[in-house]
Amino acid sequence: MRSTPHHLPPPQLFYSFFKTLIDHEVIVICKNDVRIRGKLISVDQYLSVKLQDIQVLNAERFPQMQSTTTCFIRGSVIRYIELPAAAVDTALLQDAARKACLAQA
């Protein structure tokens, strides 16, 4: 069993955090360089996401996705998720991460 290093918050913290962003617009950058903007509809414990009303930002490279309006993106293929700054309470997130790390120790 692999343990999380003590300086990293547990994965449940990220899951809980992303659940607070449901109904916000995010941009998902996948490992294959697809960039998708859409409304976050759901997230699971593997950080897979479901987006609605999507727009592929680099559609010229991925024309097959132009007619797609909803998509599910597996967490393991996500490189980054850009979040709306106004939706992120950094003080609350830092405090939760600090408490989670202390609880692990």
PDB file of N, CA and C in Angstrom:
ATOM      1  N   MET A   1       0.839  -1.186   0.000  1.00  0.00           N
ATOM      2  CA  MET A   1       0.000   0.000   0.000  1.00  0.00           C
ATOM      3  C   MET A   1       0.880   1.244   0.000  1.00  0.00           C
ATOM      4  N   ARG A   2       0.613   2.135  -0.929  1.00  0.00           N
ATOM      5  CA  ARG A   2       1.385   3.364  -1.048  1.00  0.00           C
ATOM      6  C   ARG A   2       0.793   4.439  -0.162  1.00  0.00           C
ATOM      7  N   SER A   3       1.616   5.107   0.585  1.00  0.00           N
ATOM      8  CA  SER A   3       1.108   6.170   1.444  1.00  0.00           C
ATOM      9  C   SER A   3       1.384   7.531   0.827  1.00  0.00           C
ATOM     10  N   THR A   4       0.571   8.492   1.190  1.00  0.00           N
ATOM     11  CA  THR A   4       0.741   9.860   0.717  1.00  0.00           C
ATOM     12  C   THR A   4       1.836  10.528   1.534  1.00  0.00           C
ATOM     13  N   PRO A   5       2.809  11.193   0.894  1.00  0.00           N
ATOM     14  CA  PRO A   5       3.818  11.918   1.668  1.00  0.00           C
ATOM     15  C   PRO A   5       3.144  12.933   2.591  1.00  0.00           C
ATOM     16  N   HIS A   6       3.745  13.176   3.750  1.00  0.00           N
ATOM     17  CA  HIS A   6       3.110  14.037   4.752  1.00  0.00           C
ATOM     18  C   HIS A   6       2.944  15.486   4.300  1.00  0.00           C
ATOM     19  N   HIS A   7       3.690  15.921   3.302  1.00  0.00           N
ATOM     20  CA  HIS A   7       3.560  17.303   2.854  1.00  0.00           C
ATOM     21  C   HIS A   7       2.447  17.490   1.828  1.00  0.00           C
ATOM     22  N   LEU A   8       1.791  16.397   1.408  1.00  0.00           N
ATOM     23  CA  LEU A   8       0.704  16.494   0.435  1.00  0.00           C
ATOM     24  C   LEU A   8      -0.634  16.232   1.105  1.00  0.00           C
ATOM     25  N   PRO A   9      -1.668  17.003   0.731  1.00  0.00           N
ATOM     26  CA  PRO A   9      -2.988  16.737   1.293  1.00  0.00           C
ATOM     27  C   PRO A   9      -3.542  15.437   0.713  1.00  0.00           C
ATOM     28  N   PRO A  10      -4.434  14.759   1.420  1.00  0.00           N
ATOM     29  CA  PRO A  10      -5.001  13.514   0.902  1.00  0.00           C
ATOM     30  C   PRO A  10      -5.896  13.773  -0.304  1.00  0.00           C
ATOM     31  N   PRO A  11      -6.065  12.761  -1.167  1.00  0.00           N
ATOM     32  CA  PRO A  11      -6.888  12.942  -2.380  1.00  0.00           C
ATOM     33  C   PRO A  11      -8.321  13.364  -2.081  1.00  0.00           C
ATOM     34  N   GLN A  12      -8.886  12.975  -0.941  1.00  0.00           N
ATOM     35  CA  GLN A  12     -10.257  13.338  -0.609  1.00  0.00           C
ATOM     36  C   GLN A  12     -10.427  14.855  -0.516  1.00  0.00           C
ATOM     37  N   LEU A  13      -9.366  15.547  -0.137  1.00  0.00           N
ATOM     38  CA  LEU A  13      -9.431  17.001  -0.049  1.00  0.00           C
ATOM     39  C   LEU A  13      -9.686  17.608  -1.434  1.00  0.00           C
ATOM     40  N   PHE A  14      -8.989  17.099  -2.456  1.00  0.00           N
ATOM     41  CA  PHE A  14      -9.191  17.603  -3.811  1.00  0.00           C
ATOM     42  C   PHE A  14     -10.585  17.249  -4.317  1.00  0.00           C
ATOM     43  N   TYR A  15     -11.043  16.048  -4.020  1.00  0.00           N
ATOM     44  CA  TYR A  15     -12.390  15.636  -4.412  1.00  0.00           C
ATOM     45  C   TYR A  15     -13.423  16.580  -3.802  1.00  0.00           C
ATOM     46  N   SER A  16     -13.308  16.829  -2.508  1.00  0.00           N
ATOM     47  CA  SER A  16     -14.241  17.747  -1.830  1.00  0.00           C
ATOM     48  C   SER A  16     -14.161  19.148  -2.424  1.00  0.00           C
ATOM     49  N   PHE A  17     -12.948  19.591  -2.709  1.00  0.00           N
ATOM     50  CA  PHE A  17     -12.766  20.920  -3.295  1.00  0.00           C
ATOM     51  C   PHE A  17     -13.438  21.023  -4.656  1.00  0.00           C
ATOM     52  N   PHE A  18     -13.211  20.038  -5.526  1.00  0.00           N
ATOM     53  CA  PHE A  18     -13.803  20.095  -6.863  1.00  0.00           C
ATOM     54  C   PHE A  18     -15.326  19.999  -6.812  1.00  0.00           C
ATOM     55  N   LYS A  19     -15.883  19.329  -5.820  1.00  0.00           N
ATOM     56  CA  LYS A  19     -17.332  19.272  -5.685  1.00  0.00           C
ATOM     57  C   LYS A  19     -17.907  20.659  -5.433  1.00  0.00           C
ATOM     58  N   THR A  20     -17.136  21.544  -4.788  1.00  0.00           N
ATOM     59  CA  THR A  20     -17.634  22.906  -4.549  1.00  0.00           C
ATOM     60  C   THR A  20     -17.671  23.722  -5.837  1.00  0.00           C
ATOM     61  N   LEU A  21     -16.999  23.246  -6.882  1.00  0.00           N
ATOM     62  CA  LEU A  21     -16.954  23.980  -8.155  1.00  0.00           C
ATOM     63  C   LEU A  21     -18.015  23.531  -9.150  1.00  0.00           C
ATOM     64  N   ILE A  22     -18.888  22.615  -8.738  1.00  0.00           N
ATOM     65  CA  ILE A  22     -19.960  22.169  -9.635  1.00  0.00           C
ATOM     66  C   ILE A  22     -20.815  23.370 -10.018  1.00  0.00           C
ATOM     67  N   ASP A  23     -21.168  23.424 -11.283  1.00  0.00           N
ATOM     68  CA  ASP A  23     -21.936  24.508 -11.921  1.00  0.00           C
ATOM     69  C   ASP A  23     -21.079  25.719 -12.270  1.00  0.00           C
ATOM     70  N   HIS A  24     -19.766  25.646 -12.065  1.00  0.00           N
ATOM     71  CA  HIS A  24     -18.857  26.708 -12.499  1.00  0.00           C
ATOM     72  C   HIS A  24     -18.214  26.300 -13.824  1.00  0.00           C
ATOM     73  N   GLU A  25     -17.821  27.287 -14.594  1.00  0.00           N
ATOM     74  CA  GLU A  25     -17.113  27.016 -15.853  1.00  0.00           C
ATOM     75  C   GLU A  25     -15.636  26.767 -15.558  1.00  0.00           C
ATOM     76  N   VAL A  26     -15.104  25.696 -16.136  1.00  0.00           N
ATOM     77  CA  VAL A  26     -13.694  25.354 -15.980  1.00  0.00           C
ATOM     78  C   VAL A  26     -13.115  25.049 -17.356  1.00  0.00           C
ATOM     79  N   ILE A  27     -11.796  25.018 -17.425  1.00  0.00           N
ATOM     80  CA  ILE A  27     -11.113  24.587 -18.646  1.00  0.00           C
ATOM     81  C   ILE A  27     -10.276  23.371 -18.277  1.00  0.00           C
ATOM     82  N   VAL A  28     -10.504  22.274 -18.999  1.00  0.00           N
ATOM     83  CA  VAL A  28      -9.757  21.041 -18.774  1.00  0.00           C
ATOM     84  C   VAL A  28      -8.748  20.883 -19.898  1.00  0.00           C
ATOM     85  N   ILE A  29      -7.492  20.687 -19.522  1.00  0.00           N
ATOM     86  CA  ILE A  29      -6.436  20.430 -20.500  1.00  0.00           C
ATOM     87  C   ILE A  29      -6.043  18.965 -20.336  1.00  0.00           C
ATOM     88  N   CYS A  30      -6.252  18.190 -21.372  1.00  0.00           N
ATOM     89  CA  CYS A  30      -5.961  16.760 -21.323  1.00  0.00           C
ATOM     90  C   CYS A  30      -4.516  16.493 -21.722  1.00  0.00           C
ATOM     91  N   LYS A  31      -4.054  15.296 -21.406  1.00  0.00           N
ATOM     92  CA  LYS A  31      -2.680  14.917 -21.727  1.00  0.00           C
ATOM     93  C   LYS A  31      -2.412  14.874 -23.228  1.00  0.00           C
ATOM     94  N   ASN A  32      -3.460  14.704 -24.046  1.00  0.00           N
ATOM     95  CA  ASN A  32      -3.284  14.719 -25.497  1.00  0.00           C
ATOM     96  C   ASN A  32      -3.465  16.127 -26.072  1.00  0.00           C
ATOM     97  N   ASP A  33      -3.439  17.143 -25.199  1.00  0.00           N
ATOM     98  CA  ASP A  33      -3.506  18.566 -25.542  1.00  0.00           C
ATOM     99  C   ASP A  33      -4.878  19.076 -25.965  1.00  0.00           C
ATOM    100  N   VAL A  34      -5.933  18.287 -25.812  1.00  0.00           N
ATOM    101  CA  VAL A  34      -7.283  18.807 -26.035  1.00  0.00           C
ATOM    102  C   VAL A  34      -7.579  19.788 -24.902  1.00  0.00           C
ATOM    103  N   ARG A  35      -8.083  20.964 -25.262  1.00  0.00           N
ATOM    104  CA  ARG A  35      -8.461  21.987 -24.280  1.00  0.00           C
ATOM    105  C   ARG A  35      -9.963  22.184 -24.385  1.00  0.00           C
ATOM    106  N   ILE A  36     -10.677  21.892 -23.295  1.00  0.00           N
ATOM    107  CA  ILE A  36     -12.137  21.922 -23.309  1.00  0.00           C
ATOM    108  C   ILE A  36     -12.644  22.855 -22.212  1.00  0.00           C
ATOM    109  N   ARG A  37     -13.471  23.817 -22.616  1.00  0.00           N
ATOM    110  CA  ARG A  37     -14.139  24.704 -21.662  1.00  0.00           C
ATOM    111  C   ARG A  37     -15.573  24.214 -21.526  1.00  0.00           C
ATOM    112  N   GLY A  38     -16.074  24.166 -20.292  1.00  0.00           N
ATOM    113  CA  GLY A  38     -17.455  23.765 -20.084  1.00  0.00           C
ATOM    114  C   GLY A  38     -17.861  23.917 -18.636  1.00  0.00           C
ATOM    115  N   LYS A  39     -19.142  23.713 -18.399  1.00  0.00           N
ATOM    116  CA  LYS A  39     -19.677  23.801 -17.045  1.00  0.00           C
ATOM    117  C   LYS A  39     -19.478  22.460 -16.356  1.00  0.00           C
ATOM    118  N   LEU A  40     -18.852  22.489 -15.181  1.00  0.00           N
ATOM    119  CA  LEU A  40     -18.603  21.272 -14.414  1.00  0.00           C
ATOM    120  C   LEU A  40     -19.926  20.759 -13.858  1.00  0.00           C
ATOM    121  N   ILE A  41     -20.286  19.547 -14.263  1.00  0.00           N
ATOM    122  CA  ILE A  41     -21.558  18.951 -13.841  1.00  0.00           C
ATOM    123  C   ILE A  41     -21.345  17.964 -12.701  1.00  0.00           C
ATOM    124  N   SER A  42     -20.251  17.193 -12.783  1.00  0.00           N
ATOM    125  CA  SER A  42     -19.979  16.238 -11.708  1.00  0.00           C
ATOM    126  C   SER A  42     -18.496  15.901 -11.667  1.00  0.00           C
ATOM    127  N   VAL A  43     -18.079  15.378 -10.528  1.00  0.00           N
ATOM    128  CA  VAL A  43     -16.706  14.923 -10.315  1.00  0.00           C
ATOM    129  C   VAL A  43     -16.801  13.677  -9.441  1.00  0.00           C
ATOM    130  N   ASP A  44     -15.904  12.703  -9.674  1.00  0.00           N
ATOM    131  CA  ASP A  44     -15.918  11.521  -8.824  1.00  0.00           C
ATOM    132  C   ASP A  44     -14.622  11.419  -8.027  1.00  0.00           C
ATOM    133  N   GLN A  45     -14.510  10.377  -7.220  1.00  0.00           N
ATOM    134  CA  GLN A  45     -13.358  10.235  -6.333  1.00  0.00           C
ATOM    135  C   GLN A  45     -12.048  10.028  -7.082  1.00  0.00           C
ATOM    136  N   TYR A  46     -12.110   9.697  -8.369  1.00  0.00           N
ATOM    137  CA  TYR A  46     -10.907   9.563  -9.190  1.00  0.00           C
ATOM    138  C   TYR A  46     -10.575  10.871  -9.913  1.00  0.00           C
ATOM    139  N   LEU A  47     -11.323  11.913  -9.597  1.00  0.00           N
ATOM    140  CA  LEU A  47     -11.214  13.239 -10.210  1.00  0.00           C
ATOM    141  C   LEU A  47     -11.524  13.215 -11.702  1.00  0.00           C
ATOM    142  N   SER A  48     -12.367  12.263 -12.098  1.00  0.00           N
ATOM    143  CA  SER A  48     -12.948  12.278 -13.438  1.00  0.00           C
ATOM    144  C   SER A  48     -14.041  13.336 -13.414  1.00  0.00           C
ATOM    145  N   VAL A  49     -14.227  14.021 -14.526  1.00  0.00           N
ATOM    146  CA  VAL A  49     -15.201  15.114 -14.557  1.00  0.00           C
ATOM    147  C   VAL A  49     -16.174  14.955 -15.710  1.00  0.00           C
ATOM    148  N   LYS A  50     -17.362  15.493 -15.519  1.00  0.00           N
ATOM    149  CA  LYS A  50     -18.355  15.568 -16.577  1.00  0.00           C
ATOM    150  C   LYS A  50     -18.605  17.039 -16.835  1.00  0.00           C
ATOM    151  N   LEU A  51     -18.499  17.438 -18.105  1.00  0.00           N
ATOM    152  CA  LEU A  51     -18.699  18.831 -18.506  1.00  0.00           C
ATOM    153  C   LEU A  51     -19.896  18.929 -19.443  1.00  0.00           C
ATOM    154  N   GLN A  52     -20.605  20.040 -19.338  1.00  0.00           N
ATOM    155  CA  GLN A  52     -21.764  20.298 -20.183  1.00  0.00           C
ATOM    156  C   GLN A  52     -21.558  21.622 -20.908  1.00  0.00           C
ATOM    157  N   ASP A  53     -22.223  21.792 -22.034  1.00  0.00           N
ATOM    158  CA  ASP A  53     -22.108  23.008 -22.854  1.00  0.00           C
ATOM    159  C   ASP A  53     -20.642  23.269 -23.194  1.00  0.00           C
ATOM    160  N   ILE A  54     -19.973  22.241 -23.699  1.00  0.00           N
ATOM    161  CA  ILE A  54     -18.534  22.352 -23.909  1.00  0.00           C
ATOM    162  C   ILE A  54     -18.190  23.090 -25.199  1.00  0.00           C
ATOM    163  N   GLN A  55     -16.998  23.634 -25.182  1.00  0.00           N
ATOM    164  CA  GLN A  55     -16.400  24.258 -26.352  1.00  0.00           C
ATOM    165  C   GLN A  55     -14.950  23.789 -26.385  1.00  0.00           C
ATOM    166  N   VAL A  56     -14.554  23.188 -27.499  1.00  0.00           N
ATOM    167  CA  VAL A  56     -13.165  22.764 -27.655  1.00  0.00           C
ATOM    168  C   VAL A  56     -12.378  23.993 -28.100  1.00  0.00           C
ATOM    169  N   LEU A  57     -11.416  24.397 -27.298  1.00  0.00           N
ATOM    170  CA  LEU A  57     -10.695  25.643 -27.555  1.00  0.00           C
ATOM    171  C   LEU A  57      -9.696  25.525 -28.695  1.00  0.00           C
ATOM    172  N   ASN A  58      -9.220  24.326 -28.964  1.00  0.00           N
ATOM    173  CA  ASN A  58      -8.330  24.123 -30.106  1.00  0.00           C
ATOM    174  C   ASN A  58      -9.008  23.172 -31.102  1.00  0.00           C
ATOM    175  N   ALA A  59     -10.207  23.562 -31.521  1.00  0.00           N
ATOM    176  CA  ALA A  59     -11.056  22.728 -32.377  1.00  0.00           C
ATOM    177  C   ALA A  59     -10.430  22.433 -33.734  1.00  0.00           C
ATOM    178  N   GLU A  60      -9.546  23.306 -34.202  1.00  0.00           N
ATOM    179  CA  GLU A  60      -8.913  23.041 -35.500  1.00  0.00           C
ATOM    180  C   GLU A  60      -8.060  21.777 -35.453  1.00  0.00           C
ATOM    181  N   ARG A  61      -7.541  21.425 -34.284  1.00  0.00           N
ATOM    182  CA  ARG A  61      -6.747  20.200 -34.130  1.00  0.00           C
ATOM    183  C   ARG A  61      -7.618  18.982 -33.856  1.00  0.00           C
ATOM    184  N   PHE A  62      -8.834  19.208 -33.373  1.00  0.00           N
ATOM    185  CA  PHE A  62      -9.726  18.114 -33.001  1.00  0.00           C
ATOM    186  C   PHE A  62     -11.122  18.349 -33.588  1.00  0.00           C
ATOM    187  N   PRO A  63     -11.250  18.385 -34.921  1.00  0.00           N
ATOM    188  CA  PRO A  63     -12.547  18.705 -35.547  1.00  0.00           C
ATOM    189  C   PRO A  63     -13.640  17.684 -35.228  1.00  0.00           C
ATOM    190  N   GLN A  64     -13.269  16.468 -34.862  1.00  0.00           N
ATOM    191  CA  GLN A  64     -14.267  15.448 -34.548  1.00  0.00           C
ATOM    192  C   GLN A  64     -15.075  15.784 -33.302  1.00  0.00           C
ATOM    193  N   MET A  65     -14.621  16.751 -32.523  1.00  0.00           N
ATOM    194  CA  MET A  65     -15.327  17.100 -31.286  1.00  0.00           C
ATOM    195  C   MET A  65     -16.211  18.337 -31.422  1.00  0.00           C
ATOM    196  N   GLN A  66     -16.307  18.904 -32.611  1.00  0.00           N
ATOM    197  CA  GLN A  66     -17.060  20.146 -32.797  1.00  0.00           C
ATOM    198  C   GLN A  66     -18.542  20.011 -32.485  1.00  0.00           C
ATOM    199  N   SER A  67     -19.121  18.840 -32.704  1.00  0.00           N
ATOM    200  CA  SER A  67     -20.562  18.680 -32.475  1.00  0.00           C
ATOM    201  C   SER A  67     -20.880  18.148 -31.075  1.00  0.00           C
ATOM    202  N   THR A  68     -19.863  17.928 -30.255  1.00  0.00           N
ATOM    203  CA  THR A  68     -20.064  17.399 -28.910  1.00  0.00           C
ATOM    204  C   THR A  68     -20.502  18.519 -27.963  1.00  0.00           C
ATOM    205  N   THR A  69     -21.510  18.247 -27.141  1.00  0.00           N
ATOM    206  CA  THR A  69     -21.981  19.255 -26.194  1.00  0.00           C
ATOM    207  C   THR A  69     -21.735  18.863 -24.735  1.00  0.00           C
ATOM    208  N   THR A  70     -21.612  17.569 -24.476  1.00  0.00           N
ATOM    209  CA  THR A  70     -21.375  17.055 -23.131  1.00  0.00           C
ATOM    210  C   THR A  70     -20.283  16.001 -23.217  1.00  0.00           C
ATOM    211  N   CYS A  71     -19.399  15.969 -22.222  1.00  0.00           N
ATOM    212  CA  CYS A  71     -18.363  14.941 -22.250  1.00  0.00           C
ATOM    213  C   CYS A  71     -17.972  14.518 -20.843  1.00  0.00           C
ATOM    214  N   PHE A  72     -17.476  13.295 -20.758  1.00  0.00           N
ATOM    215  CA  PHE A  72     -16.934  12.742 -19.522  1.00  0.00           C
ATOM    216  C   PHE A  72     -15.442  12.570 -19.748  1.00  0.00           C
ATOM    217  N   ILE A  73     -14.628  13.084 -18.844  1.00  0.00           N
ATOM    218  CA  ILE A  73     -13.172  12.998 -18.995  1.00  0.00           C
ATOM    219  C   ILE A  73     -12.613  12.244 -17.803  1.00  0.00           C
ATOM    220  N   ARG A  74     -11.987  11.139 -18.090  1.00  0.00           N
ATOM    221  CA  ARG A  74     -11.404  10.313 -17.034  1.00  0.00           C
ATOM    222  C   ARG A  74     -10.263  11.064 -16.349  1.00  0.00           C
ATOM    223  N   GLY A  75     -10.206  10.972 -15.044  1.00  0.00           N
ATOM    224  CA  GLY A  75      -9.210  11.702 -14.268  1.00  0.00           C
ATOM    225  C   GLY A  75      -7.781  11.421 -14.672  1.00  0.00           C
ATOM    226  N   SER A  76      -7.491  10.194 -15.095  1.00  0.00           N
ATOM    227  CA  SER A  76      -6.117   9.828 -15.444  1.00  0.00           C
ATOM    228  C   SER A  76      -5.625  10.466 -16.738  1.00  0.00           C
ATOM    229  N   VAL A  77      -6.524  11.048 -17.548  1.00  0.00           N
ATOM    230  CA  VAL A  77      -6.091  11.696 -18.790  1.00  0.00           C
ATOM    231  C   VAL A  77      -6.051  13.219 -18.668  1.00  0.00           C
ATOM    232  N   ILE A  78      -6.375  13.728 -17.475  1.00  0.00           N
ATOM    233  CA  ILE A  78      -6.370  15.173 -17.256  1.00  0.00           C
ATOM    234  C   ILE A  78      -4.980  15.627 -16.838  1.00  0.00           C
ATOM    235  N   ARG A  79      -4.475  16.637 -17.542  1.00  0.00           N
ATOM    236  CA  ARG A  79      -3.185  17.237 -17.170  1.00  0.00           C
ATOM    237  C   ARG A  79      -3.412  18.384 -16.188  1.00  0.00           C
ATOM    238  N   TYR A  80      -4.313  19.305 -16.524  1.00  0.00           N
ATOM    239  CA  TYR A  80      -4.610  20.467 -15.685  1.00  0.00           C
ATOM    240  C   TYR A  80      -6.091  20.779 -15.750  1.00  0.00           C
ATOM    241  N   ILE A  81      -6.566  21.452 -14.722  1.00  0.00           N
ATOM    242  CA  ILE A  81      -7.900  22.046 -14.756  1.00  0.00           C
ATOM    243  C   ILE A  81      -7.741  23.496 -14.337  1.00  0.00           C
ATOM    244  N   GLU A  82      -8.108  24.406 -15.231  1.00  0.00           N
ATOM    245  CA  GLU A  82      -8.069  25.832 -14.919  1.00  0.00           C
ATOM    246  C   GLU A  82      -9.387  26.199 -14.257  1.00  0.00           C
ATOM    247  N   LEU A  83      -9.280  26.848 -13.122  1.00  0.00           N
ATOM    248  CA  LEU A  83     -10.446  27.169 -12.314  1.00  0.00           C
ATOM    249  C   LEU A  83     -10.741  28.662 -12.355  1.00  0.00           C
ATOM    250  N   PRO A  84     -12.020  29.034 -12.191  1.00  0.00           N
ATOM    251  CA  PRO A  84     -12.336  30.456 -12.103  1.00  0.00           C
ATOM    252  C   PRO A  84     -11.811  31.013 -10.774  1.00  0.00           C
ATOM    253  N   ALA A  85     -10.997  32.033 -10.830  1.00  0.00           N
ATOM    254  CA  ALA A  85     -10.376  32.589  -9.624  1.00  0.00           C
ATOM    255  C   ALA A  85     -11.410  33.020  -8.596  1.00  0.00           C
ATOM    256  N   ALA A  86     -12.512  33.557  -9.046  1.00  0.00           N
ATOM    257  CA  ALA A  86     -13.532  34.042  -8.120  1.00  0.00           C
ATOM    258  C   ALA A  86     -14.200  32.918  -7.334  1.00  0.00           C
ATOM    259  N   ALA A  87     -14.151  31.694  -7.846  1.00  0.00           N
ATOM    260  CA  ALA A  87     -14.807  30.565  -7.186  1.00  0.00           C
ATOM    261  C   ALA A  87     -13.919  29.860  -6.171  1.00  0.00           C
ATOM    262  N   VAL A  88     -12.635  30.252  -6.104  1.00  0.00           N
ATOM    263  CA  VAL A  88     -11.678  29.560  -5.230  1.00  0.00           C
ATOM    264  C   VAL A  88     -11.413  30.402  -3.990  1.00  0.00           C
ATOM    265  N   ASP A  89     -11.758  29.843  -2.851  1.00  0.00           N
ATOM    266  CA  ASP A  89     -11.459  30.483  -1.570  1.00  0.00           C
ATOM    267  C   ASP A  89     -10.114  29.931  -1.112  1.00  0.00           C
ATOM    268  N   THR A  90      -9.034  30.613  -1.469  1.00  0.00           N
ATOM    269  CA  THR A  90      -7.689  30.093  -1.201  1.00  0.00           C
ATOM    270  C   THR A  90      -7.399  29.965   0.290  1.00  0.00           C
ATOM    271  N   ALA A  91      -7.896  30.877   1.090  1.00  0.00           N
ATOM    272  CA  ALA A  91      -7.652  30.796   2.533  1.00  0.00           C
ATOM    273  C   ALA A  91      -8.299  29.535   3.109  1.00  0.00           C
ATOM    274  N   LEU A  92      -9.515  29.251   2.707  1.00  0.00           N
ATOM    275  CA  LEU A  92     -10.220  28.068   3.181  1.00  0.00           C
ATOM    276  C   LEU A  92      -9.522  26.796   2.697  1.00  0.00           C
ATOM    277  N   LEU A  93      -9.083  26.793   1.442  1.00  0.00           N
ATOM    278  CA  LEU A  93      -8.392  25.632   0.881  1.00  0.00           C
ATOM    279  C   LEU A  93      -7.060  25.392   1.593  1.00  0.00           C
ATOM    280  N   GLN A  94      -6.311  26.447   1.856  1.00  0.00           N
ATOM    281  CA  GLN A  94      -5.035  26.302   2.567  1.00  0.00           C
ATOM    282  C   GLN A  94      -5.260  25.784   3.978  1.00  0.00           C
ATOM    283  N   ASP A  95      -6.278  26.290   4.640  1.00  0.00           N
ATOM    284  CA  ASP A  95      -6.578  25.838   6.000  1.00  0.00           C
ATOM    285  C   ASP A  95      -6.974  24.359   6.001  1.00  0.00           C
ATOM    286  N   ALA A  96      -7.797  23.951   5.048  1.00  0.00           N
ATOM    287  CA  ALA A  96      -8.214  22.546   4.962  1.00  0.00           C
ATOM    288  C   ALA A  96      -7.027  21.645   4.666  1.00  0.00           C
ATOM    289  N   ALA A  97      -6.127  22.089   3.791  1.00  0.00           N
ATOM    290  CA  ALA A  97      -4.926  21.304   3.462  1.00  0.00           C
ATOM    291  C   ALA A  97      -4.029  21.177   4.678  1.00  0.00           C
ATOM    292  N   ARG A  98      -3.867  22.257   5.404  1.00  0.00           N
ATOM    293  CA  ARG A  98      -3.036  22.239   6.612  1.00  0.00           C
ATOM    294  C   ARG A  98      -3.610  21.264   7.650  1.00  0.00           C
ATOM    295  N   LYS A  99      -4.927  21.320   7.865  1.00  0.00           N
ATOM    296  CA  LYS A  99      -5.569  20.426   8.833  1.00  0.00           C
ATOM    297  C   LYS A  99      -5.455  18.972   8.388  1.00  0.00           C
ATOM    298  N   ALA A 100      -5.612  18.725   7.087  1.00  0.00           N
ATOM    299  CA  ALA A 100      -5.535  17.349   6.581  1.00  0.00           C
ATOM    300  C   ALA A 100      -4.121  16.804   6.746  1.00  0.00           C
ATOM    301  N   CYS A 101      -3.118  17.631   6.509  1.00  0.00           N
ATOM    302  CA  CYS A 101      -1.735  17.195   6.658  1.00  0.00           C
ATOM    303  C   CYS A 101      -1.405  16.926   8.123  1.00  0.00           C
ATOM    304  N   LEU A 102      -1.919  17.753   9.012  1.00  0.00           N
ATOM    305  CA  LEU A 102      -1.687  17.540  10.443  1.00  0.00           C
ATOM    306  C   LEU A 102      -2.365  16.268  10.925  1.00  0.00           C
ATOM    307  N   ALA A 103      -3.533  15.982  10.380  1.00  0.00           N
ATOM    308  CA  ALA A 103      -4.258  14.770  10.765  1.00  0.00           C
ATOM    309  C   ALA A 103      -3.517  13.506  10.309  1.00  0.00           C
ATOM    310  N   GLN A 104      -2.777  13.609   9.207  1.00  0.00           N
ATOM    311  CA  GLN A 104      -2.009  12.473   8.700  1.00  0.00           C
ATOM    312  C   GLN A 104      -0.796  12.176   9.555  1.00  0.00           C
ATOM    313  N   ALA A 105      -0.232  13.207  10.156  1.00  0.00           N
ATOM    314  CA  ALA A 105       1.026  13.046  10.910  1.00  0.00           C
ATOM    315  C   ALA A 105       0.888  12.253  12.166  1.00  0.00           C
TER     316      ALA A 105
END
